[in-house]
Amino acid sequence: MPLQTLSAHDTNAILDTLQEDGAVILQNLFANDLAARLCADIESALHQVAWCNTDREGYGADFFGRKTKRLHGVLQYSELVRDCMLHPLPMSLAESWIGHKPHFSTGEIMAIGPGERQQTLHRDATSWAKSGLPGELLFSMTIALTDFTQENGATVVAPGSHRWPDDYRAPPEAFTSAQMSRGSVLLYSGNVLHSGGANQTARARIGLYLGYIPFWLQPLENPATTHPPGFLDGLDAQTRNFLNHHPGGFSALLG
């Protein structure tokens, strides 16, 4: 079952598709030029780390990829990350999906290298599974900074899997490849089964992941520790509030 590709102008259709499929592609939400500049901004940082660089941080290489590079603290690599993160459309969709005042959960630059195998299928929202909280807790956006193709490791997604029981064993035909051009985005529920695809080409597939959660939920990433010391203090107030970073201590969030 292929993923639907929609226009960014029809928010009702986007939300209807998310309800039905748990995932949708928005073609060219960000201009090709912006995505290309963002990719160029982060390339030097990617060149400075080895493949499987998260293994030394205690993450499982078998899951995160032996021929994959991952960078956190994403705002430090390009001023354009902030524009993508707080773009009005994903912010509005996140609010509709998970509730009032969406906040930052985690950000990740992912470069899937040549020869990487397909990642293990998983649901991102299982990070909070032990809480027993019902409903949708995570709204995810992956931005294609290079073209995503079936050959170079486009995200593998199971449409409708956000409604499947945990023990359901889906047939292979239930999965599809989120193929999209540079600047397009994959929006998906934290309860959708997905994985990074296998890269059978000679070039890396690069994407930017951004996760949105309800303001009352504990995020996966502490941006104060993944960014350089003092970096967040210099950001504008809207971005600091989204990151739940308050240089003076804390801020009361009233519904």
Protein backbone atom coordinates (compact mmCIF):
# COMPACT_ATOMS: atom_id res chain seq x y z
CA MET A 1 0.00 0.00 0.00
CA PRO A 2 1.71 3.24 -1.12
CA LEU A 3 1.80 6.35 1.04
CA GLN A 4 -0.32 9.26 -0.06
CA THR A 5 1.46 12.39 -1.27
CA LEU A 6 -0.50 15.56 -0.62
CA SER A 7 -0.25 19.31 -1.03
CA ALA A 8 0.76 21.33 1.99
CA HIS A 9 -2.25 23.58 1.43
CA ASP A 10 -4.93 21.05 2.39
CA THR A 11 -4.57 20.59 6.15
CA ASN A 12 -7.88 18.76 6.49
CA ALA A 13 -6.81 16.15 3.95
CA ILE A 14 -3.44 15.81 5.71
CA LEU A 15 -5.10 15.15 9.07
CA ASP A 16 -7.63 12.75 7.53
CA THR A 17 -4.80 10.80 5.93
CA LEU A 18 -2.83 10.74 9.17
CA GLN A 19 -5.89 9.35 10.94
CA GLU A 20 -6.30 6.64 8.29
CA ASP A 21 -2.70 5.76 7.40
CA GLY A 22 -0.69 7.20 10.28
CA ALA A 23 1.72 8.72 7.75
CA VAL A 24 1.69 11.06 4.78
CA ILE A 25 4.20 12.70 2.43
CA LEU A 26 4.04 16.44 1.76
CA GLN A 27 5.77 17.17 -1.49
CA ASN A 28 8.18 20.14 -1.44
CA LEU A 29 7.06 21.61 1.88
CA PHE A 30 10.51 23.19 1.96
CA ALA A 31 12.08 24.65 -1.15
CA ASN A 32 14.71 22.52 -2.86
CA ASP A 33 17.18 25.38 -2.45
CA LEU A 34 16.58 25.61 1.31
CA ALA A 35 17.01 21.86 1.73
CA ALA A 36 20.19 21.95 -0.37
CA ARG A 37 21.65 24.80 1.73
CA LEU A 38 20.74 23.00 4.94
CA CYS A 39 22.41 19.84 3.67
CA ALA A 40 25.52 21.82 2.72
CA ASP A 41 25.60 23.40 6.19
CA ILE A 42 25.74 20.03 7.94
CA GLU A 43 28.04 18.16 5.57
CA SER A 44 31.25 19.28 7.29
CA ALA A 45 29.93 18.04 10.66
CA LEU A 46 29.00 14.70 9.10
CA HIS A 47 32.47 14.36 7.58
CA GLN A 48 34.02 14.77 11.03
CA VAL A 49 32.33 11.70 12.53
CA ALA A 50 32.79 8.04 11.69
CA TRP A 51 30.14 5.66 10.50
CA CYS A 52 28.38 4.03 13.45
CA ASN A 53 29.34 7.08 15.53
CA THR A 54 26.51 6.57 18.04
CA ASP A 55 27.90 3.20 19.14
CA ARG A 56 30.38 4.93 21.48
CA GLU A 57 27.49 6.79 23.10
CA GLY A 58 25.96 3.55 24.31
CA TYR A 59 23.37 3.11 21.58
CA GLY A 60 23.05 -0.28 19.95
CA ALA A 61 24.91 -0.36 16.65
CA ASP A 62 22.74 -3.21 15.39
CA PHE A 63 19.70 -0.96 15.71
CA PHE A 64 21.11 2.48 14.83
CA GLY A 65 23.22 1.23 11.94
CA ARG A 66 26.83 0.27 11.39
CA LYS A 67 27.02 2.33 8.19
CA THR A 68 24.93 5.23 9.43
CA LYS A 69 25.96 8.57 10.96
CA ARG A 70 23.73 10.39 13.45
CA LEU A 71 24.07 13.92 14.83
CA HIS A 72 22.10 15.43 17.71
CA GLY A 73 21.94 18.99 18.96
CA VAL A 74 20.71 19.82 15.46
CA LEU A 75 20.24 23.56 15.90
CA GLN A 76 23.99 24.14 16.14
CA TYR A 77 24.63 22.99 12.57
CA SER A 78 22.52 25.48 10.64
CA GLU A 79 20.29 28.48 11.30
CA LEU A 80 17.86 26.90 8.82
CA VAL A 81 17.03 24.08 11.26
CA ARG A 82 15.09 26.54 13.38
CA ASP A 83 12.97 27.60 10.38
CA CYS A 84 12.10 23.97 9.65
CA MET A 85 11.44 23.09 13.28
CA LEU A 86 9.00 25.97 13.88
CA HIS A 87 7.41 26.06 10.43
CA PRO A 88 3.73 26.98 10.96
CA LEU A 89 2.34 23.91 9.16
CA PRO A 90 4.05 21.09 11.11
CA MET A 91 3.53 23.06 14.32
CA SER A 92 -0.20 23.36 13.58
CA LEU A 93 -0.49 19.70 12.56
CA ALA A 94 1.42 18.60 15.66
CA GLU A 95 -0.99 20.58 17.84
CA SER A 96 -3.96 18.92 16.14
CA TRP A 97 -2.36 15.49 16.49
CA ILE A 98 -1.00 15.48 20.05
CA GLY A 99 -2.70 18.43 21.74
CA HIS A 100 -2.12 21.97 22.93
CA LYS A 101 1.36 23.53 22.92
CA PRO A 102 3.59 20.95 21.19
CA HIS A 103 7.18 20.91 22.41
CA PHE A 104 10.48 19.47 21.24
CA SER A 105 11.22 15.79 21.89
CA THR A 106 14.36 15.15 19.88
CA GLY A 107 16.14 16.11 16.68
CA GLU A 108 18.48 14.00 14.62
CA ILE A 109 20.44 14.30 11.40
CA MET A 110 20.65 10.85 9.81
CA ALA A 111 23.02 9.90 7.02
CA ILE A 112 22.42 6.34 5.81
CA GLY A 113 25.58 5.26 4.05
CA PRO A 114 26.23 2.96 1.11
CA GLY A 115 25.80 -0.69 2.03
CA GLU A 116 23.64 -0.06 5.10
CA ARG A 117 20.99 -2.73 5.71
CA GLN A 118 17.37 -2.01 6.55
CA GLN A 119 16.88 -1.03 10.15
CA THR A 120 14.75 -3.07 12.53
CA LEU A 121 11.09 -2.05 12.36
CA HIS A 122 9.95 -0.08 15.40
CA ARG A 123 7.52 2.47 16.83
CA ASP A 124 9.13 5.63 18.19
CA ALA A 125 6.43 6.18 20.82
CA THR A 126 7.45 2.98 22.62
CA SER A 127 9.96 5.23 24.40
CA TRP A 128 7.05 6.14 26.68
CA ALA A 129 5.34 2.73 26.59
CA LYS A 130 5.87 2.02 30.29
CA SER A 131 3.83 5.09 31.17
CA GLY A 132 0.68 3.39 29.92
CA LEU A 133 -0.61 6.69 28.54
CA PRO A 134 -3.22 6.23 25.80
CA GLY A 135 -3.49 8.00 22.48
CA GLU A 136 -0.93 9.86 20.40
CA LEU A 137 2.12 11.15 22.26
CA LEU A 138 4.52 11.83 19.39
CA PHE A 139 4.25 13.60 16.05
CA SER A 140 7.25 13.08 13.77
CA MET A 141 8.61 14.86 10.73
CA THR A 142 11.49 13.64 8.55
CA ILE A 143 12.77 16.16 6.02
CA ALA A 144 14.49 14.84 2.90
CA LEU A 145 17.78 16.73 2.55
CA THR A 146 18.64 14.50 -0.40
CA ASP A 147 16.16 12.65 -2.58
CA PHE A 148 14.74 9.60 -0.79
CA THR A 149 14.49 6.60 -3.11
CA GLN A 150 13.83 2.92 -2.57
CA GLU A 151 17.42 2.23 -3.61
CA ASN A 152 19.15 4.71 -1.27
CA GLY A 153 17.31 3.94 1.97
CA ALA A 154 14.02 5.83 1.97
CA THR A 155 12.11 5.27 5.20
CA VAL A 156 10.11 2.04 5.21
CA VAL A 157 6.59 2.57 6.60
CA ALA A 158 3.56 0.37 7.30
CA PRO A 159 0.48 2.53 6.58
CA GLY A 160 -2.25 1.94 9.12
CA SER A 161 0.08 0.28 11.63
CA HIS A 162 -0.66 2.91 14.28
CA ARG A 163 -3.89 0.95 14.82
CA TRP A 164 -2.33 -2.53 14.83
CA PRO A 165 -1.95 -4.51 18.07
CA ASP A 166 1.65 -4.96 19.18
CA ASP A 167 1.63 -8.69 18.41
CA TYR A 168 0.30 -8.34 14.86
CA ARG A 169 2.64 -9.85 12.26
CA ALA A 170 2.12 -7.97 9.03
CA PRO A 171 2.87 -9.48 5.60
CA PRO A 172 5.66 -7.91 3.51
CA GLU A 173 3.18 -6.21 1.22
CA ALA A 174 1.95 -4.10 4.15
CA PHE A 175 5.16 -2.06 4.01
CA THR A 176 6.08 0.65 1.55
CA SER A 177 8.96 3.01 0.83
CA ALA A 178 8.52 6.73 1.57
CA GLN A 179 10.06 7.97 -1.66
CA MET A 180 10.21 11.74 -1.94
CA SER A 181 12.25 14.55 -3.44
CA ARG A 182 14.61 16.86 -1.58
CA GLY A 183 12.63 19.35 0.51
CA SER A 184 9.63 17.05 0.92
CA VAL A 185 8.67 15.68 4.31
CA LEU A 186 7.31 12.49 5.80
CA LEU A 187 4.86 13.17 8.63
CA TYR A 188 3.93 10.22 10.81
CA SER A 189 2.48 9.06 14.09
CA GLY A 190 4.80 7.87 16.83
CA ASN A 191 2.77 4.64 16.81
CA VAL A 192 3.51 3.79 13.17
CA LEU A 193 5.86 0.91 12.37
CA HIS A 194 8.79 2.16 10.32
CA SER A 195 12.53 1.86 9.80
CA GLY A 196 15.41 3.34 7.88
CA GLY A 197 15.72 1.62 4.52
CA ALA A 198 18.66 -0.24 3.00
CA ASN A 199 21.05 1.86 0.92
CA GLN A 200 22.11 0.04 -2.23
CA THR A 201 23.69 3.08 -3.89
CA ALA A 202 27.12 4.71 -3.73
CA ARG A 203 25.95 7.89 -1.96
CA ALA A 204 24.54 8.65 1.48
CA ARG A 205 20.86 9.40 2.02
CA ILE A 206 20.55 12.37 4.40
CA GLY A 207 17.48 13.39 6.38
CA LEU A 208 16.57 15.62 9.32
CA TYR A 209 14.22 14.18 11.93
CA LEU A 210 12.21 16.39 14.31
CA GLY A 211 9.89 15.03 17.00
CA TYR A 212 7.04 16.93 18.68
CA ILE A 213 5.40 15.93 21.99
CA PRO A 214 2.79 17.43 24.36
CA PHE A 215 4.29 20.15 26.58
CA TRP A 216 3.69 18.07 29.73
CA LEU A 217 5.61 15.00 28.51
CA GLN A 218 9.30 14.37 29.24
CA PRO A 219 11.36 14.69 26.02
CA LEU A 220 13.89 12.12 24.86
CA GLU A 221 16.65 14.69 24.34
CA ASN A 222 17.96 17.37 26.67
CA PRO A 223 19.03 20.07 24.18
CA ALA A 224 21.02 21.85 26.89
CA THR A 225 23.46 18.93 26.87
CA THR A 226 23.44 18.09 23.14
CA HIS A 227 24.26 21.67 22.12
CA PRO A 228 27.41 23.59 23.13
CA PRO A 229 27.33 25.28 26.56
CA GLY A 230 25.42 28.55 26.42
CA PHE A 231 24.24 27.98 22.84
CA LEU A 232 20.55 27.85 23.70
CA ASP A 233 20.74 31.08 25.71
CA GLY A 234 21.37 33.00 22.49
CA LEU A 235 18.28 31.70 20.70
CA ASP A 236 15.09 33.70 20.31
CA ALA A 237 12.34 33.35 22.92
CA GLN A 238 10.02 31.28 20.70
CA THR A 239 12.70 28.69 20.05
CA ARG A 240 13.77 28.55 23.71
CA ASN A 241 10.16 28.04 24.78
CA PHE A 242 9.71 25.26 22.24
CA LEU A 243 12.83 23.58 23.63
CA ASN A 244 11.59 24.24 27.18
CA HIS A 245 14.86 26.03 27.88
CA HIS A 246 14.71 28.96 30.28
CA PRO A 247 18.06 30.63 31.11
CA GLY A 248 16.67 32.18 34.28
CA GLY A 249 15.51 28.88 35.71
CA PHE A 250 12.01 27.72 34.83
CA SER A 251 8.83 29.07 33.32
CA ALA A 252 5.27 28.24 34.30
CA LEU A 253 3.24 26.77 31.44
CA LEU A 254 -0.43 27.55 31.83
CA GLY A 255 -2.97 25.77 29.64
